[in-house]
Amino acid sequence: MTGNGRGVIAVALIGLALAGCDVPADPEHTTEHVRGQALIVGVTTDDEPSDPDERAAIQRLAKRLDATVEYRRDEIHHQVKALEEGEIHLLAGHLPKTTPFAKEVGTTGPVSSMLLGDKRVKTVFALRKGENGFLMETEKAIGGAN
């Protein structure tokens, strides 16, 4: 086989490999539901997260998705249930990285930190499990990407 023939085969193989790579999926279409609409954020204490890093990340996420932000306050167990059922898109506000709810929900990388007892721990956002496209958008917003 000539060098040119091998090049054509290599390009074809790369094309096939890339065809198998999809953008992260949202089985429940969270990103699609938020884009151009409202980002519904559950909080448990204040009317919005008191942490400035969390508020800024939420605003960046809303900007990325051309959405407004709507906060809903309720008790943590109700918020986790609302998240699982798709009634809210994100749970924010001093949620420790070691949250016991991590089995029921997906979590982001660290957003900020808080004191838990006498220890400083990292905080995360919670989102619906399996919504990897929305997780990717949220992680970009946490990192400061616009």
C-alpha atoms as a PDB file:
ATOM      1  CA  MET A   1       0.000   0.000   0.000  1.00  0.00           C
ATOM      2  CA  THR A   2       1.311   3.442  -0.870  1.00  0.00           C
ATOM      3  CA  GLY A   3       1.834   6.221   1.638  1.00  0.00           C
ATOM      4  CA  ASN A   4      -1.149   8.067   0.168  1.00  0.00           C
ATOM      5  CA  GLY A   5      -3.422   5.035   0.606  1.00  0.00           C
ATOM      6  CA  ARG A   6      -2.404   4.704   4.261  1.00  0.00           C
ATOM      7  CA  GLY A   7      -3.228   8.368   4.804  1.00  0.00           C
ATOM      8  CA  VAL A   8      -6.733   7.895   3.416  1.00  0.00           C
ATOM      9  CA  ILE A   9      -7.263   4.879   5.684  1.00  0.00           C
ATOM     10  CA  ALA A  10      -5.942   6.809   8.701  1.00  0.00           C
ATOM     11  CA  VAL A  11      -8.307   9.710   8.015  1.00  0.00           C
ATOM     12  CA  ALA A  12     -11.222   7.289   7.611  1.00  0.00           C
ATOM     13  CA  LEU A  13     -10.383   5.561  10.902  1.00  0.00           C
ATOM     14  CA  ILE A  14     -10.109   8.877  12.741  1.00  0.00           C
ATOM     15  CA  GLY A  15     -13.471   9.907  11.286  1.00  0.00           C
ATOM     16  CA  LEU A  16     -15.068   6.683  12.512  1.00  0.00           C
ATOM     17  CA  ALA A  17     -13.568   7.143  15.974  1.00  0.00           C
ATOM     18  CA  LEU A  18     -14.817  10.717  16.210  1.00  0.00           C
ATOM     19  CA  ALA A  19     -18.284   9.707  15.033  1.00  0.00           C
ATOM     20  CA  GLY A  20     -18.565   7.625  18.203  1.00  0.00           C
ATOM     21  CA  CYS A  21     -17.835  10.659  20.394  1.00  0.00           C
ATOM     22  CA  ASP A  22     -20.949  12.580  21.298  1.00  0.00           C
ATOM     23  CA  VAL A  23     -21.450  15.761  23.240  1.00  0.00           C
ATOM     24  CA  PRO A  24     -22.339  14.791  26.824  1.00  0.00           C
ATOM     25  CA  ALA A  25     -25.995  13.829  26.942  1.00  0.00           C
ATOM     26  CA  ASP A  26     -28.851  15.078  29.084  1.00  0.00           C
ATOM     27  CA  PRO A  27     -31.360  12.193  29.224  1.00  0.00           C
ATOM     28  CA  GLU A  28     -33.877  14.525  30.889  1.00  0.00           C
ATOM     29  CA  HIS A  29     -32.918  17.490  28.642  1.00  0.00           C
ATOM     30  CA  THR A  30     -32.008  19.881  31.482  1.00  0.00           C
ATOM     31  CA  THR A  31     -29.757  22.097  29.356  1.00  0.00           C
ATOM     32  CA  GLU A  32     -32.453  22.362  26.693  1.00  0.00           C
ATOM     33  CA  HIS A  33     -35.124  23.216  29.307  1.00  0.00           C
ATOM     34  CA  VAL A  34     -32.973  25.967  30.836  1.00  0.00           C
ATOM     35  CA  ARG A  35     -31.581  27.518  27.632  1.00  0.00           C
ATOM     36  CA  GLY A  36     -33.425  30.773  26.928  1.00  0.00           C
ATOM     37  CA  GLN A  37     -35.775  30.166  29.870  1.00  0.00           C
ATOM     38  CA  ALA A  38     -35.253  30.097  33.656  1.00  0.00           C
ATOM     39  CA  LEU A  39     -32.507  28.397  35.642  1.00  0.00           C
ATOM     40  CA  ILE A  40     -34.368  27.228  38.743  1.00  0.00           C
ATOM     41  CA  VAL A  41     -32.035  27.013  41.727  1.00  0.00           C
ATOM     42  CA  GLY A  42     -33.054  25.423  45.006  1.00  0.00           C
ATOM     43  CA  VAL A  43     -31.686  26.905  48.212  1.00  0.00           C
ATOM     44  CA  THR A  44     -32.291  25.899  51.804  1.00  0.00           C
ATOM     45  CA  THR A  45     -31.586  28.934  53.963  1.00  0.00           C
ATOM     46  CA  ASP A  46     -31.535  32.349  52.359  1.00  0.00           C
ATOM     47  CA  ASP A  47     -33.432  33.591  49.346  1.00  0.00           C
ATOM     48  CA  GLU A  48     -30.230  33.058  47.354  1.00  0.00           C
ATOM     49  CA  PRO A  49     -26.838  31.577  48.209  1.00  0.00           C
ATOM     50  CA  SER A  50     -24.975  33.811  50.654  1.00  0.00           C
ATOM     51  CA  ASP A  51     -21.601  32.762  49.255  1.00  0.00           C
ATOM     52  CA  PRO A  52     -20.425  35.245  46.592  1.00  0.00           C
ATOM     53  CA  ASP A  53     -18.547  32.538  44.635  1.00  0.00           C
ATOM     54  CA  GLU A  54     -21.710  30.434  44.407  1.00  0.00           C
ATOM     55  CA  ARG A  55     -23.825  33.424  43.334  1.00  0.00           C
ATOM     56  CA  ALA A  56     -21.257  34.381  40.693  1.00  0.00           C
ATOM     57  CA  ALA A  57     -21.104  30.822  39.290  1.00  0.00           C
ATOM     58  CA  ILE A  58     -24.912  30.702  39.090  1.00  0.00           C
ATOM     59  CA  GLN A  59     -24.984  34.032  37.250  1.00  0.00           C
ATOM     60  CA  ARG A  60     -22.297  32.819  34.810  1.00  0.00           C
ATOM     61  CA  LEU A  61     -24.278  29.622  34.177  1.00  0.00           C
ATOM     62  CA  ALA A  62     -27.440  31.624  33.516  1.00  0.00           C
ATOM     63  CA  LYS A  63     -25.519  33.896  31.140  1.00  0.00           C
ATOM     64  CA  ARG A  64     -24.033  30.866  29.287  1.00  0.00           C
ATOM     65  CA  LEU A  65     -27.549  29.509  28.774  1.00  0.00           C
ATOM     66  CA  ASP A  66     -29.236  32.882  28.136  1.00  0.00           C
ATOM     67  CA  ALA A  67     -31.512  32.228  31.115  1.00  0.00           C
ATOM     68  CA  THR A  68     -32.906  34.154  34.040  1.00  0.00           C
ATOM     69  CA  VAL A  69     -32.335  32.870  37.587  1.00  0.00           C
ATOM     70  CA  GLU A  70     -35.225  31.855  39.803  1.00  0.00           C
ATOM     71  CA  TYR A  71     -34.538  30.835  43.409  1.00  0.00           C
ATOM     72  CA  ARG A  72     -36.809  28.496  45.354  1.00  0.00           C
ATOM     73  CA  ARG A  73     -36.322  28.076  49.088  1.00  0.00           C
ATOM     74  CA  ASP A  74     -37.293  24.898  50.934  1.00  0.00           C
ATOM     75  CA  GLU A  75     -36.000  22.271  53.340  1.00  0.00           C
ATOM     76  CA  ILE A  76     -33.089  20.134  52.024  1.00  0.00           C
ATOM     77  CA  HIS A  77     -35.033  16.852  51.723  1.00  0.00           C
ATOM     78  CA  HIS A  78     -37.749  18.579  49.683  1.00  0.00           C
ATOM     79  CA  GLN A  79     -35.089  20.203  47.501  1.00  0.00           C
ATOM     80  CA  VAL A  80     -33.382  16.869  46.779  1.00  0.00           C
ATOM     81  CA  LYS A  81     -36.744  15.360  45.807  1.00  0.00           C
ATOM     82  CA  ALA A  82     -37.511  18.399  43.612  1.00  0.00           C
ATOM     83  CA  LEU A  83     -34.105  18.001  41.958  1.00  0.00           C
ATOM     84  CA  GLU A  84     -34.662  14.294  41.291  1.00  0.00           C
ATOM     85  CA  GLU A  85     -38.062  15.078  39.748  1.00  0.00           C
ATOM     86  CA  GLY A  86     -36.735  17.929  37.601  1.00  0.00           C
ATOM     87  CA  GLU A  87     -38.686  20.664  39.403  1.00  0.00           C
ATOM     88  CA  ILE A  88     -35.426  22.530  40.066  1.00  0.00           C
ATOM     89  CA  HIS A  89     -32.253  22.409  37.973  1.00  0.00           C
ATOM     90  CA  LEU A  90     -29.567  23.071  40.565  1.00  0.00           C
ATOM     91  CA  LEU A  91     -29.251  22.910  44.350  1.00  0.00           C
ATOM     92  CA  ALA A  92     -26.910  25.493  45.855  1.00  0.00           C
ATOM     93  CA  GLY A  93     -26.019  27.057  49.161  1.00  0.00           C
ATOM     94  CA  HIS A  94     -23.390  25.582  51.462  1.00  0.00           C
ATOM     95  CA  LEU A  95     -23.730  22.000  50.255  1.00  0.00           C
ATOM     96  CA  PRO A  96     -20.566  20.216  51.466  1.00  0.00           C
ATOM     97  CA  LYS A  97     -18.628  18.050  49.027  1.00  0.00           C
ATOM     98  CA  THR A  98     -19.222  15.136  51.423  1.00  0.00           C
ATOM     99  CA  THR A  99     -23.009  15.526  51.309  1.00  0.00           C
ATOM    100  CA  PRO A 100     -24.889  12.351  52.216  1.00  0.00           C
ATOM    101  CA  PHE A 101     -27.235  13.123  49.297  1.00  0.00           C
ATOM    102  CA  ALA A 102     -24.502  12.308  46.737  1.00  0.00           C
ATOM    103  CA  LYS A 103     -26.103   8.885  46.187  1.00  0.00           C
ATOM    104  CA  GLU A 104     -29.342  10.507  44.999  1.00  0.00           C
ATOM    105  CA  VAL A 105     -27.959  13.450  43.019  1.00  0.00           C
ATOM    106  CA  GLY A 106     -25.006  14.393  40.874  1.00  0.00           C
ATOM    107  CA  THR A 107     -22.506  16.903  42.222  1.00  0.00           C
ATOM    108  CA  THR A 108     -20.104  19.361  40.663  1.00  0.00           C
ATOM    109  CA  GLY A 109     -16.509  19.984  41.500  1.00  0.00           C
ATOM    110  CA  PRO A 110     -15.790  22.450  44.312  1.00  0.00           C
ATOM    111  CA  VAL A 111     -17.445  25.847  44.057  1.00  0.00           C
ATOM    112  CA  SER A 112     -16.337  27.461  47.310  1.00  0.00           C
ATOM    113  CA  SER A 113     -15.758  26.463  50.926  1.00  0.00           C
ATOM    114  CA  MET A 114     -17.476  26.744  54.297  1.00  0.00           C
ATOM    115  CA  LEU A 115     -16.883  25.982  57.947  1.00  0.00           C
ATOM    116  CA  LEU A 116     -18.447  22.708  59.033  1.00  0.00           C
ATOM    117  CA  GLY A 117     -17.893  22.476  62.764  1.00  0.00           C
ATOM    118  CA  ASP A 118     -14.265  23.493  63.145  1.00  0.00           C
ATOM    119  CA  LYS A 119     -13.159  22.301  59.679  1.00  0.00           C
ATOM    120  CA  ARG A 120     -13.157  24.167  56.391  1.00  0.00           C
ATOM    121  CA  VAL A 121     -14.726  21.977  53.691  1.00  0.00           C
ATOM    122  CA  LYS A 122     -15.331  22.484  49.985  1.00  0.00           C
ATOM    123  CA  THR A 123     -18.860  23.148  48.751  1.00  0.00           C
ATOM    124  CA  VAL A 124     -20.514  21.856  45.570  1.00  0.00           C
ATOM    125  CA  PHE A 125     -23.699  22.276  43.575  1.00  0.00           C
ATOM    126  CA  ALA A 126     -26.069  19.342  43.199  1.00  0.00           C
ATOM    127  CA  LEU A 127     -27.867  18.548  39.968  1.00  0.00           C
ATOM    128  CA  ARG A 128     -29.929  15.750  38.520  1.00  0.00           C
ATOM    129  CA  LYS A 129     -27.957  12.509  38.103  1.00  0.00           C
ATOM    130  CA  GLY A 130     -26.973  11.654  34.543  1.00  0.00           C
ATOM    131  CA  GLU A 131     -27.404  15.163  33.134  1.00  0.00           C
ATOM    132  CA  ASN A 132     -23.831  15.266  31.876  1.00  0.00           C
ATOM    133  CA  GLY A 133     -24.360  18.060  29.343  1.00  0.00           C
ATOM    134  CA  PHE A 134     -25.778  20.288  32.074  1.00  0.00           C
ATOM    135  CA  LEU A 135     -22.951  19.220  34.401  1.00  0.00           C
ATOM    136  CA  MET A 136     -20.426  20.258  31.736  1.00  0.00           C
ATOM    137  CA  GLU A 137     -22.080  23.696  31.368  1.00  0.00           C
ATOM    138  CA  THR A 138     -22.182  24.097  35.159  1.00  0.00           C
ATOM    139  CA  GLU A 139     -18.520  23.125  35.552  1.00  0.00           C
ATOM    140  CA  LYS A 140     -17.532  25.695  32.907  1.00  0.00           C
ATOM    141  CA  ALA A 141     -19.493  28.349  34.806  1.00  0.00           C
ATOM    142  CA  ILE A 142     -17.832  27.368  38.088  1.00  0.00           C
ATOM    143  CA  GLY A 143     -14.448  27.683  36.400  1.00  0.00           C
ATOM    144  CA  GLY A 144     -15.303  31.168  35.205  1.00  0.00           C
ATOM    145  CA  ALA A 145     -15.665  30.376  31.492  1.00  0.00           C
ATOM    146  CA  ASN A 146     -18.250  32.442  29.620  1.00  0.00           C
END
